[in-house]
Protein backbone atom coordinates (compact mmCIF):
# COMPACT_ATOMS: atom_id res chain seq x y z
CA MET A 1 4.24 -12.97 19.09
CA LYS A 2 5.54 -12.90 15.54
CA PHE A 3 5.09 -9.70 13.69
CA LEU A 4 7.28 -7.50 11.58
CA LEU A 5 7.87 -3.81 11.52
CA LEU A 6 7.29 -2.25 8.00
CA LEU A 7 10.80 -0.77 8.26
CA SER A 8 12.71 -3.79 9.42
CA THR A 9 15.38 -3.64 12.13
CA LEU A 10 18.95 -4.39 11.05
CA GLY A 11 19.60 -7.94 10.13
CA PHE A 12 22.38 -10.15 8.94
CA CYS A 13 23.34 -11.12 5.47
CA TRP A 14 20.87 -8.56 3.99
CA ALA A 15 17.99 -10.22 5.77
CA GLN A 16 16.41 -6.77 6.30
CA TYR A 17 15.51 -6.67 2.55
CA THR A 18 13.68 -10.00 2.69
CA PRO A 19 9.92 -9.56 3.25
CA HIS A 20 9.83 -12.85 5.09
CA THR A 21 6.57 -13.91 3.52
CA LYS A 22 5.85 -17.60 3.26
CA SER A 23 7.51 -19.12 0.15
CA GLY A 24 5.42 -18.57 -2.96
CA ARG A 25 3.65 -15.47 -1.66
CA THR A 26 4.87 -12.20 -3.07
CA SER A 27 2.49 -9.37 -1.98
CA ILE A 28 0.90 -7.94 1.13
CA VAL A 29 -2.26 -5.90 1.60
CA HIS A 30 -2.88 -2.85 3.89
CA LEU A 31 -6.14 -3.49 5.73
CA PHE A 32 -6.41 0.16 6.70
CA GLU A 33 -8.22 0.76 10.04
CA TRP A 34 -9.65 -2.83 10.34
CA ARG A 35 -10.34 -4.36 13.64
CA TRP A 36 -7.82 -7.07 14.75
CA ASP A 37 -10.59 -9.75 14.96
CA ASP A 38 -11.74 -8.93 11.47
CA ILE A 39 -8.10 -9.17 10.17
CA ALA A 40 -7.73 -12.57 11.88
CA LEU A 41 -10.92 -13.78 10.05
CA GLU A 42 -9.71 -12.40 6.80
CA CYS A 43 -6.36 -14.12 7.07
CA GLU A 44 -8.13 -17.40 7.51
CA ARG A 45 -11.11 -17.11 5.16
CA TYR A 46 -9.47 -15.19 2.24
CA LEU A 47 -5.97 -14.03 2.39
CA ALA A 48 -4.31 -17.37 2.93
CA PRO A 49 -6.41 -19.26 0.34
CA ARG A 50 -5.84 -16.49 -2.20
CA GLY A 51 -1.97 -16.49 -1.68
CA PHE A 52 -1.50 -13.15 0.06
CA GLY A 53 1.74 -12.97 1.97
CA GLY A 54 0.90 -10.58 4.70
CA VAL A 55 -1.07 -7.71 6.13
CA GLN A 56 0.05 -4.27 6.96
CA ILE A 57 -1.99 -3.08 9.88
CA SER A 58 -2.75 0.40 11.23
CA PRO A 59 -0.64 1.57 14.23
CA PRO A 60 -1.37 -0.73 17.19
CA ASN A 61 -0.12 1.55 19.87
CA GLU A 62 -2.13 3.81 22.14
CA ASN A 63 -3.12 7.03 20.48
CA ILE A 64 -4.73 10.33 21.45
CA VAL A 65 -8.64 10.41 21.09
CA ILE A 66 -9.58 13.41 19.00
CA HIS A 67 -13.17 14.85 19.14
CA ASN A 68 -12.74 17.92 16.93
CA PRO A 69 -13.05 16.74 14.25
CA SER A 70 -14.70 13.51 15.59
CA ARG A 71 -12.27 10.56 15.59
CA PRO A 72 -10.41 11.23 12.35
CA TRP A 73 -8.22 8.50 10.76
CA TRP A 74 -5.10 10.45 11.59
CA GLU A 75 -5.52 10.25 15.32
CA ARG A 76 -3.92 6.75 14.86
CA TYR A 77 -0.74 8.55 14.01
CA GLN A 78 -0.58 10.59 17.26
CA PRO A 79 0.93 8.23 19.90
CA ILE A 80 0.46 8.60 23.71
CA SER A 81 2.31 5.38 24.64
CA TYR A 82 3.31 2.10 23.12
CA LYS A 83 0.59 0.08 24.80
CA LEU A 84 -1.23 -2.24 22.49
CA CYS A 85 -4.77 -0.75 22.68
CA THR A 86 -6.57 1.15 19.95
CA ARG A 87 -10.05 1.26 18.38
CA SER A 88 -8.96 -1.85 16.45
CA GLY A 89 -8.67 -3.84 19.60
CA ASN A 90 -6.57 -4.62 22.84
CA GLU A 91 -3.45 -6.57 23.39
CA ASP A 92 -5.28 -9.85 23.59
CA ASP A 93 -7.07 -9.11 20.32
CA PHE A 94 -3.66 -8.15 18.83
CA ARG A 95 -2.00 -11.34 20.02
CA ASP A 96 -4.82 -13.51 18.76
CA MET A 97 -4.70 -11.84 15.26
CA VAL A 98 -0.93 -12.33 15.02
CA THR A 99 -1.18 -15.94 16.02
CA ARG A 100 -4.10 -16.92 13.72
CA CYS A 101 -2.68 -15.15 10.74
CA ASN A 102 0.75 -16.73 11.23
CA ASN A 103 -0.92 -20.10 11.57
CA VAL A 104 -2.19 -19.81 8.11
CA GLY A 105 1.05 -18.46 6.65
CA VAL A 106 -0.07 -14.66 6.58
CA ARG A 107 2.53 -12.29 8.24
CA ILE A 108 1.64 -9.12 10.12
CA TYR A 109 3.57 -5.97 9.26
CA VAL A 110 3.18 -3.11 11.70
CA ASP A 111 2.87 0.48 10.67
CA ALA A 112 5.04 1.82 13.51
CA VAL A 113 4.90 5.36 14.51
CA ILE A 114 8.32 5.99 16.16
CA ASN A 115 9.18 9.52 14.95
CA HIS A 116 6.79 11.65 17.06
CA MET A 117 4.10 11.72 19.73
CA CYS A 118 0.82 13.66 19.61
CA GLY A 119 0.44 17.25 18.53
CA SER A 120 1.93 20.01 20.73
CA GLY A 121 -1.39 21.62 21.36
CA ALA A 122 -3.15 18.49 22.56
CA GLY A 123 -3.32 19.65 26.19
CA ALA A 124 -3.27 17.25 29.11
CA GLY A 125 -5.45 14.45 30.44
CA THR A 126 -6.30 10.94 29.77
CA SER A 127 -8.20 11.28 26.40
CA SER A 128 -6.39 8.39 24.93
CA THR A 129 -7.36 4.93 23.72
CA CYS A 130 -5.94 3.27 26.94
CA GLY A 131 -6.73 6.06 29.20
CA SER A 132 -3.02 6.87 29.83
CA TYR A 133 -2.20 10.33 31.16
CA TYR A 134 -0.19 12.79 28.97
CA ASN A 135 0.74 16.39 29.07
CA ALA A 136 1.79 17.51 25.59
CA GLY A 137 2.66 21.12 26.86
CA ASN A 138 5.14 19.73 29.34
CA ARG A 139 6.27 16.90 26.90
CA ASP A 140 5.26 14.38 29.55
CA PHE A 141 4.29 10.84 28.56
CA PRO A 142 4.75 8.84 31.64
CA SER A 143 3.43 5.62 30.23
CA VAL A 144 6.48 5.30 27.92
CA PRO A 145 8.19 7.15 29.80
CA TYR A 146 9.18 10.22 27.78
CA SER A 147 9.99 13.65 29.21
CA GLY A 148 11.22 16.92 27.73
CA TRP A 149 14.67 15.53 27.38
CA ASP A 150 13.48 13.21 24.69
CA PHE A 151 12.24 15.74 22.30
CA ASN A 152 13.91 17.96 19.64
CA ASP A 153 12.65 21.33 20.90
CA GLY A 154 16.13 22.46 21.85
CA LYS A 155 17.60 21.42 18.50
CA CYS A 156 15.09 23.02 16.18
CA LYS A 157 16.24 26.34 14.98
CA THR A 158 13.05 27.82 13.59
CA ALA A 159 11.15 30.35 15.58
CA SER A 160 7.96 28.52 15.50
CA GLY A 161 9.43 25.05 16.25
CA GLU A 162 7.76 23.82 13.06
CA ILE A 163 9.38 22.80 9.73
CA GLU A 164 9.35 25.97 7.76
CA ASN A 165 11.62 24.96 4.87
CA TYR A 166 11.40 21.33 3.62
CA ASN A 167 14.63 21.81 1.67
CA ASP A 168 16.56 22.12 4.91
CA MET A 169 17.50 18.73 6.18
CA TYR A 170 18.12 19.95 9.66
CA GLN A 171 14.57 21.38 9.96
CA VAL A 172 13.09 18.15 8.55
CA ARG A 173 14.99 16.07 11.15
CA ASP A 174 14.76 18.31 14.12
CA CYS A 175 11.49 20.38 13.86
CA ARG A 176 7.88 19.54 14.26
CA LEU A 177 5.78 18.30 11.30
CA VAL A 178 2.25 19.77 11.60
CA SER A 179 2.92 20.38 15.29
CA LEU A 180 3.56 16.69 16.10
CA LEU A 181 6.06 16.51 19.01
CA ASP A 182 9.33 15.52 17.40
CA LEU A 183 11.31 12.74 19.15
CA ALA A 184 15.05 13.00 19.46
CA LEU A 185 15.80 9.96 17.16
CA GLU A 186 19.59 9.97 17.99
CA LYS A 187 18.88 8.64 21.42
CA ASP A 188 19.24 4.78 21.69
CA TYR A 189 15.75 4.38 23.18
CA VAL A 190 14.01 6.70 20.71
CA ARG A 191 14.39 5.61 17.22
CA SER A 192 11.28 7.93 10.51
CA LYS A 193 9.11 8.30 7.48
CA VAL A 194 10.75 9.95 4.47
CA ILE A 195 8.84 10.91 1.31
CA ASP A 196 11.42 11.22 -1.36
CA LEU A 197 9.89 12.39 -4.72
CA GLY A 198 13.32 13.58 -5.85
CA GLY A 199 15.03 16.87 -4.92
CA GLU A 200 14.50 16.14 -1.24
CA PRO A 201 17.25 17.15 1.36
CA ILE A 202 16.87 13.68 2.98
CA LYS A 203 17.07 10.78 0.49
CA SER A 204 15.32 7.44 0.55
CA SER A 205 18.75 5.91 0.10
CA ASP A 206 19.81 7.23 3.52
CA TYR A 207 17.57 4.51 5.05
CA PHE A 208 18.63 1.43 2.98
CA GLY A 209 20.56 0.13 5.96
CA ASN A 210 17.27 -0.42 7.81
CA GLY A 211 15.43 -2.45 5.10
CA ARG A 212 13.16 -1.82 2.22
CA VAL A 213 11.97 1.75 1.78
CA THR A 214 8.52 2.99 0.44
CA GLU A 215 9.09 4.20 -3.16
CA PHE A 216 6.61 7.10 -3.29
CA LYS A 217 7.53 7.94 -6.94
CA TYR A 218 6.06 4.70 -8.12
CA GLY A 219 2.36 5.59 -7.65
CA ALA A 220 2.88 9.32 -8.62
CA LYS A 221 4.64 8.35 -11.87
CA LEU A 222 2.30 5.45 -12.78
CA GLY A 223 -0.72 7.65 -12.25
CA THR A 224 0.62 10.28 -14.45
CA VAL A 225 1.21 7.75 -17.20
CA LEU A 226 -2.18 6.13 -17.06
CA ARG A 227 -3.96 9.43 -16.95
CA LYS A 228 -1.91 10.43 -20.03
CA TRP A 229 -0.82 13.62 -18.47
CA ASN A 230 2.19 15.66 -19.52
CA GLY A 231 2.35 13.68 -22.71
CA GLU A 232 3.10 10.47 -20.91
CA LYS A 233 2.32 7.17 -22.68
CA MET A 234 2.29 3.55 -21.59
CA SER A 235 4.90 2.80 -24.30
CA TYR A 236 7.37 4.74 -22.19
CA LEU A 237 7.10 2.05 -19.37
CA ARG A 238 9.38 -0.35 -21.26
CA ASN A 239 12.26 0.55 -18.76
CA TRP A 240 9.96 0.98 -15.77
CA GLY A 241 11.77 0.83 -12.49
CA GLU A 242 15.30 1.97 -12.06
CA GLY A 243 15.21 3.36 -15.57
CA TRP A 244 12.67 5.91 -14.30
CA GLY A 245 15.09 7.04 -11.42
CA PHE A 246 13.50 4.72 -8.85
CA MET A 247 15.56 3.13 -6.08
CA PRO A 248 16.95 -0.43 -6.72
CA SER A 249 14.28 -2.92 -6.96
CA ASP A 250 15.47 -5.14 -4.03
CA ARG A 251 15.24 -2.09 -1.78
CA ALA A 252 11.79 -0.90 -2.84
CA LEU A 253 8.33 -1.36 -1.27
CA VAL A 254 5.92 -0.24 -4.08
CA PHE A 255 2.31 0.58 -4.16
CA VAL A 256 -0.25 2.53 -6.42
CA ASP A 257 -1.74 4.44 -3.60
CA ASN A 258 -1.68 4.48 0.23
CA HIS A 259 -4.03 5.71 3.07
CA ASP A 260 -2.38 9.19 2.95
CA ASN A 261 -2.02 9.99 -0.69
CA GLN A 262 -5.35 8.51 -1.65
CA ARG A 263 -6.72 11.60 0.21
CA GLY A 264 -4.49 14.07 -1.50
CA HIS A 265 -1.89 14.15 1.30
CA GLY A 266 1.72 12.98 1.41
CA ALA A 267 3.01 12.64 -2.00
CA GLY A 268 1.92 12.44 -5.71
CA GLY A 269 -0.99 14.98 -5.59
CA ALA A 270 -3.75 14.55 -8.10
CA SER A 271 -1.98 11.98 -10.23
CA ILE A 272 -2.52 9.24 -7.64
CA LEU A 273 -4.96 6.54 -8.72
CA THR A 274 -7.47 5.24 -6.14
CA PHE A 275 -10.60 3.16 -5.93
CA TRP A 276 -12.60 6.33 -6.82
CA ASP A 277 -10.99 5.86 -10.34
CA ALA A 278 -11.85 2.15 -10.52
CA ARG A 279 -11.14 1.48 -14.19
CA LEU A 280 -7.69 3.11 -14.27
CA TYR A 281 -6.92 1.94 -10.77
CA LYS A 282 -7.34 -1.81 -11.64
CA MET A 283 -5.12 -1.27 -14.61
CA GLY A 284 -2.43 0.44 -12.44
CA VAL A 285 -2.48 -2.27 -9.77
CA GLY A 286 -2.57 -4.95 -12.56
CA PHE A 287 0.57 -3.41 -14.01
CA MET A 288 2.23 -3.21 -10.60
CA LEU A 289 1.59 -6.80 -9.84
CA ALA A 290 2.66 -8.08 -13.26
CA HIS A 291 5.86 -6.14 -13.33
CA PRO A 292 8.91 -7.58 -11.58
CA TYR A 293 10.03 -4.28 -9.90
CA GLY A 294 9.98 -4.04 -6.11
CA PHE A 295 7.92 -5.81 -3.42
CA THR A 296 4.20 -5.04 -3.90
CA ARG A 297 1.62 -3.82 -1.43
CA VAL A 298 -2.11 -3.65 -2.33
CA MET A 299 -4.42 -1.21 -0.64
CA SER A 300 -7.74 -1.91 1.02
CA SER A 301 -9.71 1.15 1.89
CA PHE A 302 -12.97 2.48 3.38
CA ARG A 303 -15.41 4.85 1.66
CA TRP A 304 -16.00 8.31 3.08
CA PRO A 305 -18.36 11.11 1.90
CA ARG A 306 -16.12 13.25 -0.15
CA TYR A 307 -17.11 16.94 -0.42
CA PHE A 308 -14.95 19.35 -2.48
CA GLU A 309 -14.55 22.97 -1.83
CA ASN A 310 -12.04 24.99 -3.98
CA GLY A 311 -10.64 21.66 -5.24
CA ARG A 312 -9.96 20.19 -1.81
CA ASP A 313 -11.92 17.40 -0.11
CA VAL A 314 -12.98 18.91 3.25
CA ASN A 315 -13.96 15.56 4.44
CA ASP A 316 -10.59 13.94 4.00
CA TRP A 317 -10.22 13.53 7.75
CA ILE A 318 -13.12 11.19 8.22
CA GLY A 319 -12.19 8.05 10.11
CA PRO A 320 -13.34 4.41 9.47
CA PRO A 321 -17.01 3.30 9.23
CA ASN A 322 -18.18 3.29 12.90
CA ASP A 323 -21.12 3.32 15.32
CA SER A 324 -20.46 5.97 17.97
CA GLY A 325 -16.78 5.51 17.58
CA VAL A 326 -16.71 1.74 17.49
CA ILE A 327 -15.33 0.37 14.10
CA LYS A 328 -17.99 -1.44 12.16
CA ARG A 329 -17.50 -5.02 11.30
CA VAL A 330 -16.26 -5.87 7.75
CA THR A 331 -19.26 -7.66 6.41
CA ILE A 332 -19.08 -9.85 3.28
CA ASN A 333 -21.59 -9.66 0.56
CA PRO A 334 -22.82 -12.80 -1.45
CA ASP A 335 -20.59 -11.75 -4.39
CA THR A 336 -17.57 -11.78 -1.91
CA THR A 337 -17.21 -7.99 -1.94
CA CYS A 338 -17.36 -6.11 1.29
CA GLY A 339 -20.25 -4.09 2.98
CA ASN A 340 -20.54 -1.48 5.65
CA ASP A 341 -18.57 1.03 3.46
CA TRP A 342 -15.34 -1.13 3.35
CA VAL A 343 -14.09 -1.05 -0.20
CA CYS A 344 -11.85 -4.15 0.06
CA GLU A 345 -9.98 -3.59 -3.20
CA HIS A 346 -8.04 -6.72 -2.41
CA ARG A 347 -11.20 -8.70 -2.95
CA TRP A 348 -11.90 -7.20 -6.44
CA ARG A 349 -11.56 -10.17 -8.92
CA GLN A 350 -9.08 -8.25 -11.09
CA ILE A 351 -6.73 -7.44 -8.17
CA ARG A 352 -6.81 -10.68 -6.20
CA ASN A 353 -6.33 -12.66 -9.38
CA MET A 354 -3.23 -10.47 -10.30
CA VAL A 355 -1.86 -11.30 -6.74
CA ALA A 356 -2.00 -14.87 -7.77
CA PHE A 357 -0.44 -14.02 -11.19
CA ARG A 358 2.45 -12.50 -9.39
CA ASN A 359 2.97 -15.67 -7.25
CA VAL A 360 2.91 -17.78 -10.46
CA VAL A 361 5.48 -15.64 -12.26
CA ASP A 362 7.88 -15.04 -9.33
CA GLY A 363 11.43 -15.24 -10.36
CA GLN A 364 10.65 -15.14 -14.05
CA PRO A 365 12.47 -12.56 -16.37
CA PHE A 366 10.69 -9.54 -17.88
CA THR A 367 10.20 -10.60 -21.61
CA ASN A 368 8.46 -10.13 -24.91
CA TRP A 369 7.70 -6.37 -24.48
CA TRP A 370 5.49 -4.96 -27.16
CA ASP A 371 3.87 -1.60 -27.70
CA ASN A 372 2.19 0.41 -30.47
CA GLY A 373 4.16 3.59 -29.75
CA SER A 374 1.15 4.87 -27.78
CA ASN A 375 -0.90 3.34 -24.93
CA GLN A 376 -1.17 -0.31 -25.96
CA VAL A 377 1.41 -2.50 -24.35
CA ALA A 378 2.18 -6.02 -23.48
CA PHE A 379 4.89 -8.03 -21.77
CA GLY A 380 5.56 -11.52 -20.50
CA ARG A 381 7.24 -13.06 -17.38
CA GLY A 382 9.33 -15.81 -18.91
CA ASN A 383 7.24 -18.79 -19.91
CA LYS A 384 4.80 -18.39 -16.94
CA GLY A 385 2.58 -15.32 -17.65
CA PHE A 386 1.61 -12.57 -20.15
CA ILE A 387 -0.39 -9.35 -19.85
CA VAL A 388 -1.86 -6.93 -22.39
CA PHE A 389 -3.09 -3.39 -21.80
CA ASN A 390 -5.20 -1.01 -23.99
CA ASN A 391 -5.25 2.50 -22.63
CA ASP A 392 -5.77 4.00 -26.08
CA ASP A 393 -8.96 5.57 -27.36
CA TRP A 394 -9.22 2.95 -30.12
CA ALA A 395 -9.47 -0.85 -30.11
CA LEU A 396 -6.49 -3.19 -29.83
CA SER A 397 -6.30 -6.18 -32.17
CA SER A 398 -2.79 -7.84 -32.42
CA THR A 399 -1.12 -11.19 -32.55
CA LEU A 400 1.60 -11.19 -29.93
CA GLN A 401 4.35 -13.42 -28.81
CA THR A 402 3.44 -14.67 -25.32
CA GLY A 403 6.36 -16.99 -24.52
CA LEU A 404 3.81 -19.42 -23.14
CA PRO A 405 3.32 -23.12 -24.01
CA ALA A 406 0.60 -23.90 -26.49
CA GLY A 407 -2.95 -24.29 -25.10
CA THR A 408 -6.16 -22.43 -24.09
CA TYR A 409 -5.80 -20.03 -21.20
CA CYS A 410 -8.39 -18.23 -19.08
CA ASP A 411 -8.10 -14.54 -18.82
CA VAL A 412 -8.01 -13.82 -15.05
CA ILE A 413 -9.21 -10.21 -15.46
CA SER A 414 -12.49 -10.86 -17.12
CA GLY A 415 -13.19 -14.18 -15.21
CA ASP A 416 -11.91 -17.06 -13.17
CA LYS A 417 -10.81 -20.57 -13.92
CA ILE A 418 -13.29 -22.75 -11.98
CA ASP A 419 -13.26 -26.62 -12.25
CA GLY A 420 -11.34 -26.49 -15.43
CA ASN A 421 -13.73 -23.94 -17.08
CA CYS A 422 -13.27 -20.34 -17.69
CA THR A 423 -15.92 -17.76 -16.85
CA GLY A 424 -14.23 -15.01 -18.80
CA ILE A 425 -12.43 -14.57 -22.11
CA LYS A 426 -10.46 -17.53 -23.44
CA ILE A 427 -7.07 -17.06 -25.08
CA ASN A 428 -5.61 -19.57 -27.53
CA VAL A 429 -1.81 -19.83 -27.56
CA SER A 430 -0.41 -21.54 -30.69
CA GLY A 431 2.53 -23.85 -30.87
CA ASP A 432 4.94 -21.00 -31.62
CA GLY A 433 3.81 -19.00 -28.56
CA ASN A 434 1.70 -16.44 -30.44
CA ALA A 435 -1.83 -15.48 -29.46
CA HIS A 436 -4.29 -13.01 -30.87
CA PHE A 437 -5.67 -10.35 -28.44
CA SER A 438 -8.70 -8.14 -28.92
CA ILE A 439 -9.46 -5.42 -26.39
CA SER A 440 -12.09 -2.75 -26.92
CA ASN A 441 -11.32 0.75 -25.69
CA PHE A 442 -14.84 0.66 -24.20
CA ALA A 443 -14.12 -2.55 -22.27
CA GLU A 444 -14.88 -2.36 -18.51
CA ASP A 445 -11.39 -3.63 -17.90
CA PRO A 446 -9.21 -3.03 -20.99
CA PHE A 447 -6.52 -5.55 -20.11
CA ILE A 448 -5.99 -9.21 -20.28
CA ALA A 449 -3.72 -11.44 -18.20
CA ILE A 450 -3.00 -15.27 -18.56
CA HIS A 451 -0.56 -17.40 -16.71
CA ALA A 452 0.43 -21.04 -16.30
CA ASP A 453 -2.03 -21.82 -13.70
CA SER A 454 -4.97 -20.22 -15.72
CA LYS A 455 -4.29 -22.82 -18.62
CA LEU A 456 -7.42 -24.98 -19.14
């Protein structure tokens, strides 16, 4: 079976930094909590034809089954063994998905949970997705097998055994996070997720030797800018990337949101943009996919009934759409969006067309930056693509240098190029590369993107 760990194992000649997508494909999508057979279908019917390079899947290994609350999303992150059976499917389903996706040039990237096992208070029994026995109190996981010798209980120096000070690197490495049984990672057969927002005792750079690292500052900072909090403006994005204190571009996996922080967990807090903020979210993902920094991952979510008490969503634990614990199929509506409470952001026209934009401009330099000193900005990618944003409270009307050859182009945000015609806004580029752009501050999607393949 051909599948890839999200954090690659060591390779030769810097191979661990190469995403290993098929040539010409530059982004992956996280199909969070999808069934393996639905992912296989999506690879064949949508992801391959639309130029997606890969899929990040939810953890495929056996996990504890939690009933209080009922089957939360985070039970997937509490391993019992490394057998390939979860509510997404069994080992045969997994093998079929990997084969079918690779057959159409879409790679599978595994969200591998290797830092810990289930919670310390999980008790004992066979309440697991494969029915394997475990005894959390005795640190006994015979299906791996792990025993008490394989955990950090003896190394953790806090009275509770939990991380009590996140500024203490030894506690972060050796103690339990929210009671999850912490594995002794120094052992050869036990080999972690680090969220570095700056000022952390363990740095993301500590893990560069393993492969690309998730750059959590990316979504947090971009959300702050687009929300215009703390005096931030889009015009400040001119030196986006390393200039904002991010890790080197060729070491970074970047995203606007992930399954954790879209629920207010993990990193970034309230600044994180999600599908609940659709207008700003599409702008954020559009900016990410147009900008050359990092390797990009798009999120694909499911809806849940949010309910806020004292500013906190008390339903943030709810798992995927299901019937009595069985994950619902991802149904496809006539307009190609998804049903059954699957959000499928990757199928939104604005996002899937920007995935294509990134493929077209791959390898092209960052060029022709323009801004109005506020929240109207534009930039190009060599002579292959150009994008314009209006996040101000007034209209944009400007003639800008695109760097593109003369011709009429279809804006891939407002429409599609179909059979040589455009269903959205048309942009005329003159012989000198200039074009006039008008974007209302009341537009549903206040940005315009054109590229070489959208030329009519």
